[in-house]
Amino acid sequence: MAYDDIEAALRTRLAELQQRLARIKTDASKEYPSDSAEQAQERENDEVVDAIGHETALAIREVAAALERIAEGTYGRCESCGEQIGKERLKVLPQATRCVNCAE
């Protein structure tokens, strides 16, 4: 089964995620204002930014793994049962590693 359209979408998504992570890292490295109230707010914001950064890094790993499976010719196979993952599922969740039955 050809996955050219899904591969293109994955590559686009990977680039977007990498750009987002770069922006998060830039934001995280900025200096705090001297006002203690503003510093407290910034530190609170940093926790949110840190969580978003972790989620973004995880998404990058998942998308990169999907692209690697495409390159290896194993993409679209359920890692649990070995059956083909439905193309409609892959269109919705292109980094899926399990078929609908095994994912439940």
PDB file of N, CA and C in Angstrom:
ATOM      1  N   MET A   1       0.845  -1.179   0.000  1.00  0.00           N
ATOM      2  CA  MET A   1       0.000   0.000   0.000  1.00  0.00           C
ATOM      3  C   MET A   1       0.896   1.250   0.000  1.00  0.00           C
ATOM      4  N   ALA A   2       0.586   2.190  -0.855  1.00  0.00           N
ATOM      5  CA  ALA A   2       1.374   3.421  -0.963  1.00  0.00           C
ATOM      6  C   ALA A   2       0.918   4.420   0.103  1.00  0.00           C
ATOM      7  N   TYR A   3       1.887   5.041   0.722  1.00  0.00           N
ATOM      8  CA  TYR A   3       1.607   6.008   1.776  1.00  0.00           C
ATOM      9  C   TYR A   3       2.202   7.376   1.460  1.00  0.00           C
ATOM     10  N   ASP A   4       2.317   7.707   0.190  1.00  0.00           N
ATOM     11  CA  ASP A   4       2.949   8.967  -0.209  1.00  0.00           C
ATOM     12  C   ASP A   4       2.275  10.185   0.413  1.00  0.00           C
ATOM     13  N   ASP A   5       0.943  10.200   0.401  1.00  0.00           N
ATOM     14  CA  ASP A   5       0.220  11.344   0.959  1.00  0.00           C
ATOM     15  C   ASP A   5       0.423  11.440   2.473  1.00  0.00           C
ATOM     16  N   ILE A   6       0.417  10.306   3.146  1.00  0.00           N
ATOM     17  CA  ILE A   6       0.630  10.296   4.588  1.00  0.00           C
ATOM     18  C   ILE A   6       2.073  10.687   4.911  1.00  0.00           C
ATOM     19  N   GLU A   7       3.016  10.195   4.129  1.00  0.00           N
ATOM     20  CA  GLU A   7       4.422  10.546   4.357  1.00  0.00           C
ATOM     21  C   GLU A   7       4.633  12.054   4.208  1.00  0.00           C
ATOM     22  N   ALA A   8       4.023  12.640   3.194  1.00  0.00           N
ATOM     23  CA  ALA A   8       4.142  14.091   2.998  1.00  0.00           C
ATOM     24  C   ALA A   8       3.552  14.849   4.186  1.00  0.00           C
ATOM     25  N   ALA A   9       2.401  14.395   4.665  1.00  0.00           N
ATOM     26  CA  ALA A   9       1.775  15.033   5.829  1.00  0.00           C
ATOM     27  C   ALA A   9       2.650  14.880   7.075  1.00  0.00           C
ATOM     28  N   LEU A  10       3.261  13.714   7.241  1.00  0.00           N
ATOM     29  CA  LEU A  10       4.153  13.486   8.382  1.00  0.00           C
ATOM     30  C   LEU A  10       5.377  14.392   8.312  1.00  0.00           C
ATOM     31  N   ARG A  11       5.938  14.559   7.136  1.00  0.00           N
ATOM     32  CA  ARG A  11       7.113  15.422   6.983  1.00  0.00           C
ATOM     33  C   ARG A  11       6.757  16.887   7.298  1.00  0.00           C
ATOM     34  N   THR A  12       5.596  17.319   6.844  1.00  0.00           N
ATOM     35  CA  THR A  12       5.132  18.673   7.135  1.00  0.00           C
ATOM     36  C   THR A  12       4.920  18.839   8.635  1.00  0.00           C
ATOM     37  N   ARG A  13       4.294  17.850   9.245  1.00  0.00           N
ATOM     38  CA  ARG A  13       4.037  17.898  10.689  1.00  0.00           C
ATOM     39  C   ARG A  13       5.346  17.920  11.480  1.00  0.00           C
ATOM     40  N   LEU A  14       6.315  17.122  11.044  1.00  0.00           N
ATOM     41  CA  LEU A  14       7.609  17.085  11.720  1.00  0.00           C
ATOM     42  C   LEU A  14       8.283  18.455  11.679  1.00  0.00           C
ATOM     43  N   ALA A  15       8.256  19.094  10.524  1.00  0.00           N
ATOM     44  CA  ALA A  15       8.858  20.427  10.390  1.00  0.00           C
ATOM     45  C   ALA A  15       8.150  21.432  11.298  1.00  0.00           C
ATOM     46  N   GLU A  16       6.825  21.362  11.362  1.00  0.00           N
ATOM     47  CA  GLU A  16       6.062  22.269  12.226  1.00  0.00           C
ATOM     48  C   GLU A  16       6.421  22.049  13.695  1.00  0.00           C
ATOM     49  N   LEU A  17       6.499  20.790  14.098  1.00  0.00           N
ATOM     50  CA  LEU A  17       6.829  20.466  15.480  1.00  0.00           C
ATOM     51  C   LEU A  17       8.246  20.918  15.842  1.00  0.00           C
ATOM     52  N   GLN A  18       9.168  20.733  14.928  1.00  0.00           N
ATOM     53  CA  GLN A  18      10.547  21.160  15.179  1.00  0.00           C
ATOM     54  C   GLN A  18      10.627  22.673  15.327  1.00  0.00           C
ATOM     55  N   GLN A  19       9.875  23.399  14.506  1.00  0.00           N
ATOM     56  CA  GLN A  19       9.839  24.861  14.626  1.00  0.00           C
ATOM     57  C   GLN A  19       9.228  25.279  15.953  1.00  0.00           C
ATOM     58  N   ARG A  20       8.152  24.605  16.353  1.00  0.00           N
ATOM     59  CA  ARG A  20       7.510  24.913  17.627  1.00  0.00           C
ATOM     60  C   ARG A  20       8.481  24.686  18.783  1.00  0.00           C
ATOM     61  N   LEU A  21       9.195  23.562  18.760  1.00  0.00           N
ATOM     62  CA  LEU A  21      10.137  23.256  19.831  1.00  0.00           C
ATOM     63  C   LEU A  21      11.266  24.291  19.883  1.00  0.00           C
ATOM     64  N   ALA A  22      11.723  24.738  18.727  1.00  0.00           N
ATOM     65  CA  ALA A  22      12.768  25.771  18.686  1.00  0.00           C
ATOM     66  C   ALA A  22      12.263  27.065  19.316  1.00  0.00           C
ATOM     67  N   ARG A  23      11.010  27.435  19.030  1.00  0.00           N
ATOM     68  CA  ARG A  23      10.426  28.645  19.634  1.00  0.00           C
ATOM     69  C   ARG A  23      10.285  28.484  21.147  1.00  0.00           C
ATOM     70  N   ILE A  24       9.887  27.303  21.580  1.00  0.00           N
ATOM     71  CA  ILE A  24       9.740  27.047  23.015  1.00  0.00           C
ATOM     72  C   ILE A  24      11.088  27.174  23.706  1.00  0.00           C
ATOM     73  N   LYS A  25      12.131  26.612  23.099  1.00  0.00           N
ATOM     74  CA  LYS A  25      13.466  26.702  23.688  1.00  0.00           C
ATOM     75  C   LYS A  25      13.938  28.145  23.755  1.00  0.00           C
ATOM     76  N   THR A  26      13.634  28.922  22.743  1.00  0.00           N
ATOM     77  CA  THR A  26      13.998  30.338  22.739  1.00  0.00           C
ATOM     78  C   THR A  26      13.271  31.072  23.857  1.00  0.00           C
ATOM     79  N   ASP A  27      11.969  30.801  23.992  1.00  0.00           N
ATOM     80  CA  ASP A  27      11.189  31.447  25.050  1.00  0.00           C
ATOM     81  C   ASP A  27      11.692  31.047  26.433  1.00  0.00           C
ATOM     82  N   ALA A  28      12.085  29.804  26.583  1.00  0.00           N
ATOM     83  CA  ALA A  28      12.529  29.310  27.890  1.00  0.00           C
ATOM     84  C   ALA A  28      13.869  29.908  28.309  1.00  0.00           C
ATOM     85  N   SER A  29      14.640  30.377  27.355  1.00  0.00           N
ATOM     86  CA  SER A  29      15.970  30.894  27.681  1.00  0.00           C
ATOM     87  C   SER A  29      15.990  32.403  27.935  1.00  0.00           C
ATOM     88  N   LYS A  30      14.844  33.052  27.837  1.00  0.00           N
ATOM     89  CA  LYS A  30      14.833  34.502  28.071  1.00  0.00           C
ATOM     90  C   LYS A  30      14.960  34.805  29.563  1.00  0.00           C
ATOM     91  N   GLU A  31      15.424  36.000  29.856  1.00  0.00           N
ATOM     92  CA  GLU A  31      15.654  36.414  31.240  1.00  0.00           C
ATOM     93  C   GLU A  31      14.351  36.887  31.875  1.00  0.00           C
ATOM     94  N   TYR A  32      14.302  36.756  33.199  1.00  0.00           N
ATOM     95  CA  TYR A  32      13.136  37.185  33.949  1.00  0.00           C
ATOM     96  C   TYR A  32      13.185  38.684  34.209  1.00  0.00           C
ATOM     97  N   PRO A  33      12.030  39.335  34.308  1.00  0.00           N
ATOM     98  CA  PRO A  33      11.995  40.751  34.672  1.00  0.00           C
ATOM     99  C   PRO A  33      12.437  40.908  36.135  1.00  0.00           C
ATOM    100  N   SER A  34      12.816  42.110  36.496  1.00  0.00           N
ATOM    101  CA  SER A  34      13.312  42.348  37.858  1.00  0.00           C
ATOM    102  C   SER A  34      12.182  42.412  38.883  1.00  0.00           C
ATOM    103  N   ASP A  35      10.987  42.718  38.468  1.00  0.00           N
ATOM    104  CA  ASP A  35       9.844  42.798  39.371  1.00  0.00           C
ATOM    105  C   ASP A  35       9.483  41.395  39.868  1.00  0.00           C
ATOM    106  N   SER A  36       9.408  41.205  41.193  1.00  0.00           N
ATOM    107  CA  SER A  36       9.169  39.874  41.755  1.00  0.00           C
ATOM    108  C   SER A  36       7.793  39.324  41.388  1.00  0.00           C
ATOM    109  N   ALA A  37       6.790  40.182  41.292  1.00  0.00           N
ATOM    110  CA  ALA A  37       5.455  39.715  40.894  1.00  0.00           C
ATOM    111  C   ALA A  37       5.477  39.195  39.453  1.00  0.00           C
ATOM    112  N   GLU A  38       6.171  39.914  38.597  1.00  0.00           N
ATOM    113  CA  GLU A  38       6.306  39.477  37.205  1.00  0.00           C
ATOM    114  C   GLU A  38       7.124  38.195  37.115  1.00  0.00           C
ATOM    115  N   GLN A  39       8.147  38.084  37.957  1.00  0.00           N
ATOM    116  CA  GLN A  39       8.959  36.867  37.976  1.00  0.00           C
ATOM    117  C   GLN A  39       8.113  35.657  38.357  1.00  0.00           C
ATOM    118  N   ALA A  40       7.254  35.823  39.340  1.00  0.00           N
ATOM    119  CA  ALA A  40       6.388  34.724  39.771  1.00  0.00           C
ATOM    120  C   ALA A  40       5.481  34.285  38.626  1.00  0.00           C
ATOM    121  N   GLN A  41       4.916  35.264  37.919  1.00  0.00           N
ATOM    122  CA  GLN A  41       4.052  34.940  36.785  1.00  0.00           C
ATOM    123  C   GLN A  41       4.844  34.241  35.681  1.00  0.00           C
ATOM    124  N   GLU A  42       6.043  34.717  35.412  1.00  0.00           N
ATOM    125  CA  GLU A  42       6.892  34.118  34.384  1.00  0.00           C
ATOM    126  C   GLU A  42       7.250  32.678  34.737  1.00  0.00           C
ATOM    127  N   ARG A  43       7.547  32.435  36.001  1.00  0.00           N
ATOM    128  CA  ARG A  43       7.891  31.070  36.441  1.00  0.00           C
ATOM    129  C   ARG A  43       6.697  30.141  36.297  1.00  0.00           C
ATOM    130  N   GLU A  44       5.513  30.644  36.577  1.00  0.00           N
ATOM    131  CA  GLU A  44       4.304  29.859  36.398  1.00  0.00           C
ATOM    132  C   GLU A  44       4.110  29.544  34.915  1.00  0.00           C
ATOM    133  N   ASN A  45       4.334  30.542  34.084  1.00  0.00           N
ATOM    134  CA  ASN A  45       4.238  30.344  32.638  1.00  0.00           C
ATOM    135  C   ASN A  45       5.277  29.335  32.159  1.00  0.00           C
ATOM    136  N   ASP A  46       6.459  29.358  32.773  1.00  0.00           N
ATOM    137  CA  ASP A  46       7.521  28.420  32.386  1.00  0.00           C
ATOM    138  C   ASP A  46       7.086  26.974  32.576  1.00  0.00           C
ATOM    139  N   GLU A  47       6.304  26.699  33.621  1.00  0.00           N
ATOM    140  CA  GLU A  47       5.822  25.340  33.848  1.00  0.00           C
ATOM    141  C   GLU A  47       4.934  24.884  32.694  1.00  0.00           C
ATOM    142  N   VAL A  48       4.094  25.787  32.234  1.00  0.00           N
ATOM    143  CA  VAL A  48       3.213  25.471  31.101  1.00  0.00           C
ATOM    144  C   VAL A  48       4.041  25.277  29.837  1.00  0.00           C
ATOM    145  N   VAL A  49       4.984  26.169  29.606  1.00  0.00           N
ATOM    146  CA  VAL A  49       5.850  26.080  28.426  1.00  0.00           C
ATOM    147  C   VAL A  49       6.665  24.792  28.461  1.00  0.00           C
ATOM    148  N   ASP A  50       7.148  24.425  29.646  1.00  0.00           N
ATOM    149  CA  ASP A  50       7.913  23.190  29.798  1.00  0.00           C
ATOM    150  C   ASP A  50       7.058  21.973  29.449  1.00  0.00           C
ATOM    151  N   ALA A  51       5.818  21.951  29.915  1.00  0.00           N
ATOM    152  CA  ALA A  51       4.913  20.843  29.604  1.00  0.00           C
ATOM    153  C   ALA A  51       4.635  20.773  28.098  1.00  0.00           C
ATOM    154  N   ILE A  52       4.430  21.913  27.487  1.00  0.00           N
ATOM    155  CA  ILE A  52       4.199  21.954  26.036  1.00  0.00           C
ATOM    156  C   ILE A  52       5.449  21.473  25.307  1.00  0.00           C
ATOM    157  N   GLY A  53       6.623  21.861  25.800  1.00  0.00           N
ATOM    158  CA  GLY A  53       7.875  21.408  25.200  1.00  0.00           C
ATOM    159  C   GLY A  53       8.022  19.900  25.265  1.00  0.00           C
ATOM    160  N   HIS A  54       7.680  19.308  26.399  1.00  0.00           N
ATOM    161  CA  HIS A  54       7.762  17.849  26.538  1.00  0.00           C
ATOM    162  C   HIS A  54       6.782  17.147  25.585  1.00  0.00           C
ATOM    163  N   GLU A  55       5.564  17.674  25.506  1.00  0.00           N
ATOM    164  CA  GLU A  55       4.571  17.097  24.586  1.00  0.00           C
ATOM    165  C   GLU A  55       5.030  17.218  23.128  1.00  0.00           C
ATOM    166  N   THR A  56       5.628  18.346  22.802  1.00  0.00           N
ATOM    167  CA  THR A  56       6.121  18.560  21.442  1.00  0.00           C
ATOM    168  C   THR A  56       7.262  17.608  21.134  1.00  0.00           C
ATOM    169  N   ALA A  57       8.182  17.414  22.066  1.00  0.00           N
ATOM    170  CA  ALA A  57       9.302  16.488  21.863  1.00  0.00           C
ATOM    171  C   ALA A  57       8.792  15.061  21.679  1.00  0.00           C
ATOM    172  N   LEU A  58       7.778  14.672  22.457  1.00  0.00           N
ATOM    173  CA  LEU A  58       7.180  13.338  22.311  1.00  0.00           C
ATOM    174  C   LEU A  58       6.547  13.192  20.924  1.00  0.00           C
ATOM    175  N   ALA A  59       5.825  14.205  20.488  1.00  0.00           N
ATOM    176  CA  ALA A  59       5.194  14.163  19.166  1.00  0.00           C
ATOM    177  C   ALA A  59       6.249  14.065  18.064  1.00  0.00           C
ATOM    178  N   ILE A  60       7.368  14.757  18.225  1.00  0.00           N
ATOM    179  CA  ILE A  60       8.457  14.678  17.247  1.00  0.00           C
ATOM    180  C   ILE A  60       8.973  13.248  17.168  1.00  0.00           C
ATOM    181  N   ARG A  61       9.179  12.615  18.322  1.00  0.00           N
ATOM    182  CA  ARG A  61       9.658  11.222  18.326  1.00  0.00           C
ATOM    183  C   ARG A  61       8.671  10.288  17.645  1.00  0.00           C
ATOM    184  N   GLU A  62       7.376  10.476  17.896  1.00  0.00           N
ATOM    185  CA  GLU A  62       6.355   9.624  17.291  1.00  0.00           C
ATOM    186  C   GLU A  62       6.304   9.795  15.770  1.00  0.00           C
ATOM    187  N   VAL A  63       6.353  11.030  15.314  1.00  0.00           N
ATOM    188  CA  VAL A  63       6.313  11.299  13.869  1.00  0.00           C
ATOM    189  C   VAL A  63       7.583  10.779  13.204  1.00  0.00           C
ATOM    190  N   ALA A  64       8.733  10.995  13.816  1.00  0.00           N
ATOM    191  CA  ALA A  64       9.996  10.504  13.263  1.00  0.00           C
ATOM    192  C   ALA A  64       9.994   8.981  13.194  1.00  0.00           C
ATOM    193  N   ALA A  65       9.426   8.329  14.203  1.00  0.00           N
ATOM    194  CA  ALA A  65       9.341   6.865  14.199  1.00  0.00           C
ATOM    195  C   ALA A  65       8.435   6.377  13.067  1.00  0.00           C
ATOM    196  N   ALA A  66       7.340   7.095  12.834  1.00  0.00           N
ATOM    197  CA  ALA A  66       6.442   6.726  11.730  1.00  0.00           C
ATOM    198  C   ALA A  66       7.158   6.864  10.384  1.00  0.00           C
ATOM    199  N   LEU A  67       7.915   7.940  10.212  1.00  0.00           N
ATOM    200  CA  LEU A  67       8.680   8.124   8.972  1.00  0.00           C
ATOM    201  C   LEU A  67       9.732   7.027   8.817  1.00  0.00           C
ATOM    202  N   GLU A  68      10.321   6.614   9.918  1.00  0.00           N
ATOM    203  CA  GLU A  68      11.298   5.527   9.870  1.00  0.00           C
ATOM    204  C   GLU A  68      10.631   4.208   9.462  1.00  0.00           C
ATOM    205  N   ARG A  69       9.434   3.964   9.978  1.00  0.00           N
ATOM    206  CA  ARG A  69       8.704   2.741   9.589  1.00  0.00           C
ATOM    207  C   ARG A  69       8.352   2.774   8.109  1.00  0.00           C
ATOM    208  N   ILE A  70       8.016   3.952   7.588  1.00  0.00           N
ATOM    209  CA  ILE A  70       7.739   4.061   6.151  1.00  0.00           C
ATOM    210  C   ILE A  70       8.996   3.696   5.370  1.00  0.00           C
ATOM    211  N   ALA A  71      10.135   4.243   5.776  1.00  0.00           N
ATOM    212  CA  ALA A  71      11.403   3.981   5.081  1.00  0.00           C
ATOM    213  C   ALA A  71      11.774   2.493   5.144  1.00  0.00           C
ATOM    214  N   GLU A  72      11.467   1.854   6.257  1.00  0.00           N
ATOM    215  CA  GLU A  72      11.803   0.439   6.433  1.00  0.00           C
ATOM    216  C   GLU A  72      10.790  -0.499   5.778  1.00  0.00           C
ATOM    217  N   GLY A  73       9.633   0.046   5.399  1.00  0.00           N
ATOM    218  CA  GLY A  73       8.593  -0.786   4.794  1.00  0.00           C
ATOM    219  C   GLY A  73       7.715  -1.493   5.815  1.00  0.00           C
ATOM    220  N   THR A  74       7.766  -1.068   7.075  1.00  0.00           N
ATOM    221  CA  THR A  74       6.944  -1.695   8.111  1.00  0.00           C
ATOM    222  C   THR A  74       5.770  -0.816   8.529  1.00  0.00           C
ATOM    223  N   TYR A  75       5.645   0.340   7.928  1.00  0.00           N
ATOM    224  CA  TYR A  75       4.569   1.267   8.284  1.00  0.00           C
ATOM    225  C   TYR A  75       3.224   0.655   7.935  1.00  0.00           C
ATOM    226  N   GLY A  76       2.247   0.866   8.808  1.00  0.00           N
ATOM    227  CA  GLY A  76       0.890   0.401   8.539  1.00  0.00           C
ATOM    228  C   GLY A  76       0.599  -0.972   9.111  1.00  0.00           C
ATOM    229  N   ARG A  77       1.574  -1.582   9.760  1.00  0.00           N
ATOM    230  CA  ARG A  77       1.383  -2.873  10.418  1.00  0.00           C
ATOM    231  C   ARG A  77       1.225  -2.650  11.911  1.00  0.00           C
ATOM    232  N   CYS A  78       0.243  -3.322  12.499  1.00  0.00           N
ATOM    233  CA  CYS A  78       0.004  -3.215  13.935  1.00  0.00           C
ATOM    234  C   CYS A  78       1.150  -3.878  14.687  1.00  0.00           C
ATOM    235  N   GLU A  79       1.713  -3.160  15.645  1.00  0.00           N
ATOM    236  CA  GLU A  79       2.832  -3.708  16.413  1.00  0.00           C
ATOM    237  C   GLU A  79       2.375  -4.798  17.382  1.00  0.00           C
ATOM    238  N   SER A  80       1.075  -4.900  17.624  1.00  0.00           N
ATOM    239  CA  SER A  80       0.567  -5.917  18.540  1.00  0.00           C
ATOM    240  C   SER A  80       0.185  -7.209  17.832  1.00  0.00           C
ATOM    241  N   CYS A  81      -0.654  -7.091  16.805  1.00  0.00           N
ATOM    242  CA  CYS A  81      -1.159  -8.305  16.145  1.00  0.00           C
ATOM    243  C   CYS A  81      -0.544  -8.563  14.776  1.00  0.00           C
ATOM    244  N   GLY A  82       0.121  -7.568  14.208  1.00  0.00           N
ATOM    245  CA  GLY A  82       0.763  -7.733  12.907  1.00  0.00           C
ATOM    246  C   GLY A  82      -0.154  -7.505  11.719  1.00  0.00           C
ATOM    247  N   GLU A  83      -1.422  -7.263  11.983  1.00  0.00           N
ATOM    248  CA  GLU A  83      -2.378  -7.009  10.898  1.00  0.00           C
ATOM    249  C   GLU A  83      -2.202  -5.592  10.364  1.00  0.00           C
ATOM    250  N   GLN A  84      -2.763  -5.364   9.194  1.00  0.00           N
ATOM    251  CA  GLN A  84      -2.695  -4.046   8.561  1.00  0.00           C
ATOM    252  C   GLN A  84      -3.552  -3.052   9.338  1.00  0.00           C
ATOM    253  N   ILE A  85      -2.998  -1.879   9.595  1.00  0.00           N
ATOM    254  CA  ILE A  85      -3.770  -0.789  10.196  1.00  0.00           C
ATOM    255  C   ILE A  85      -4.539  -0.127   9.068  1.00  0.00           C
ATOM    256  N   GLY A  86      -5.816   0.117   9.275  1.00  0.00           N
ATOM    257  CA  GLY A  86      -6.656   0.713   8.237  1.00  0.00           C
ATOM    258  C   GLY A  86      -6.142   2.072   7.793  1.00  0.00           C
ATOM    259  N   LYS A  87      -6.207   2.307   6.484  1.00  0.00           N
ATOM    260  CA  LYS A  87      -5.704   3.574   5.932  1.00  0.00           C
ATOM    261  C   LYS A  87      -6.464   4.774   6.492  1.00  0.00           C
ATOM    262  N   GLU A  88      -7.752   4.599   6.749  1.00  0.00           N
ATOM    263  CA  GLU A  88      -8.528   5.707   7.323  1.00  0.00           C
ATOM    264  C   GLU A  88      -8.002   6.065   8.712  1.00  0.00           C
ATOM    265  N   ARG A  89      -7.640   5.049   9.508  1.00  0.00           N
ATOM    266  CA  ARG A  89      -7.055   5.323  10.832  1.00  0.00           C
ATOM    267  C   ARG A  89      -5.731   6.055  10.673  1.00  0.00           C
ATOM    268  N   LEU A  90      -4.924   5.632   9.722  1.00  0.00           N
ATOM    269  CA  LEU A  90      -3.624   6.254   9.508  1.00  0.00           C
ATOM    270  C   LEU A  90      -3.757   7.684   8.998  1.00  0.00           C
ATOM    271  N   LYS A  91      -4.813   7.963   8.250  1.00  0.00           N
ATOM    272  CA  LYS A  91      -5.031   9.338   7.798  1.00  0.00           C
ATOM    273  C   LYS A  91      -5.346  10.245   8.982  1.00  0.00           C
ATOM    274  N   VAL A  92      -6.106   9.727   9.953  1.00  0.00           N
ATOM    275  CA  VAL A  92      -6.486  10.501  11.122  1.00  0.00           C
ATOM    276  C   VAL A  92      -5.348  10.563  12.134  1.00  0.00           C
ATOM    277  N   LEU A  93      -4.651   9.449  12.321  1.00  0.00           N
ATOM    278  CA  LEU A  93      -3.575   9.333  13.297  1.00  0.00           C
ATOM    279  C   LEU A  93      -2.375   8.667  12.614  1.00  0.00           C
ATOM    280  N   PRO A  94      -1.643   9.431  11.797  1.00  0.00           N
ATOM    281  CA  PRO A  94      -0.591   8.834  10.971  1.00  0.00           C
ATOM    282  C   PRO A  94       0.554   8.197  11.750  1.00  0.00           C
ATOM    283  N   GLN A  95       0.710   8.538  13.015  1.00  0.00           N
ATOM    284  CA  GLN A  95       1.769   7.931  13.811  1.00  0.00           C
ATOM    285  C   GLN A  95       1.281   6.686  14.560  1.00  0.00           C
ATOM    286  N   ALA A  96       0.058   6.225  14.276  1.00  0.00           N
ATOM    287  CA  ALA A  96      -0.512   5.064  14.943  1.00  0.00           C
ATOM    288  C   ALA A  96       0.386   3.835  14.762  1.00  0.00           C
ATOM    289  N   THR A  97       0.522   3.082  15.848  1.00  0.00           N
ATOM    290  CA  THR A  97       1.324   1.861  15.802  1.00  0.00           C
ATOM    291  C   THR A  97       0.459   0.618  16.019  1.00  0.00           C
ATOM    292  N   ARG A  98      -0.820   0.839  16.319  1.00  0.00           N
ATOM    293  CA  ARG A  98      -1.742  -0.278  16.557  1.00  0.00           C
ATOM    294  C   ARG A  98      -3.027  -0.091  15.754  1.00  0.00           C
ATOM    295  N   CYS A  99      -3.619  -1.217  15.369  1.00  0.00           N
ATOM    296  CA  CYS A  99      -4.910  -1.179  14.701  1.00  0.00           C
ATOM    297  C   CYS A  99      -5.975  -0.789  15.721  1.00  0.00           C
ATOM    298  N   VAL A 100      -7.175  -0.515  15.267  1.00  0.00           N
ATOM    299  CA  VAL A 100      -8.254  -0.079  16.142  1.00  0.00           C
ATOM    300  C   VAL A 100      -8.530  -1.129  17.211  1.00  0.00           C
ATOM    301  N   ASN A 101      -8.581  -2.404  16.835  1.00  0.00           N
ATOM    302  CA  ASN A 101      -8.881  -3.456  17.796  1.00  0.00           C
ATOM    303  C   ASN A 101      -7.828  -3.539  18.901  1.00  0.00           C
ATOM    304  N   CYS A 102      -6.572  -3.456  18.570  1.00  0.00           N
ATOM    305  CA  CYS A 102      -5.506  -3.559  19.573  1.00  0.00           C
ATOM    306  C   CYS A 102      -5.348  -2.284  20.392  1.00  0.00           C
ATOM    307  N   ALA A 103      -5.779  -1.164  19.834  1.00  0.00           N
ATOM    308  CA  ALA A 103      -5.644   0.113  20.532  1.00  0.00           C
ATOM    309  C   ALA A 103      -6.707   0.265  21.622  1.00  0.00           C
ATOM    310  N   GLU A 104      -7.774  -0.513  21.535  1.00  0.00           N
ATOM    311  CA  GLU A 104      -8.868  -0.381  22.519  1.00  0.00           C
ATOM    312  C   GLU A 104      -8.526  -0.990  23.820  1.00  0.00           C
TER     313      GLU A 104
END
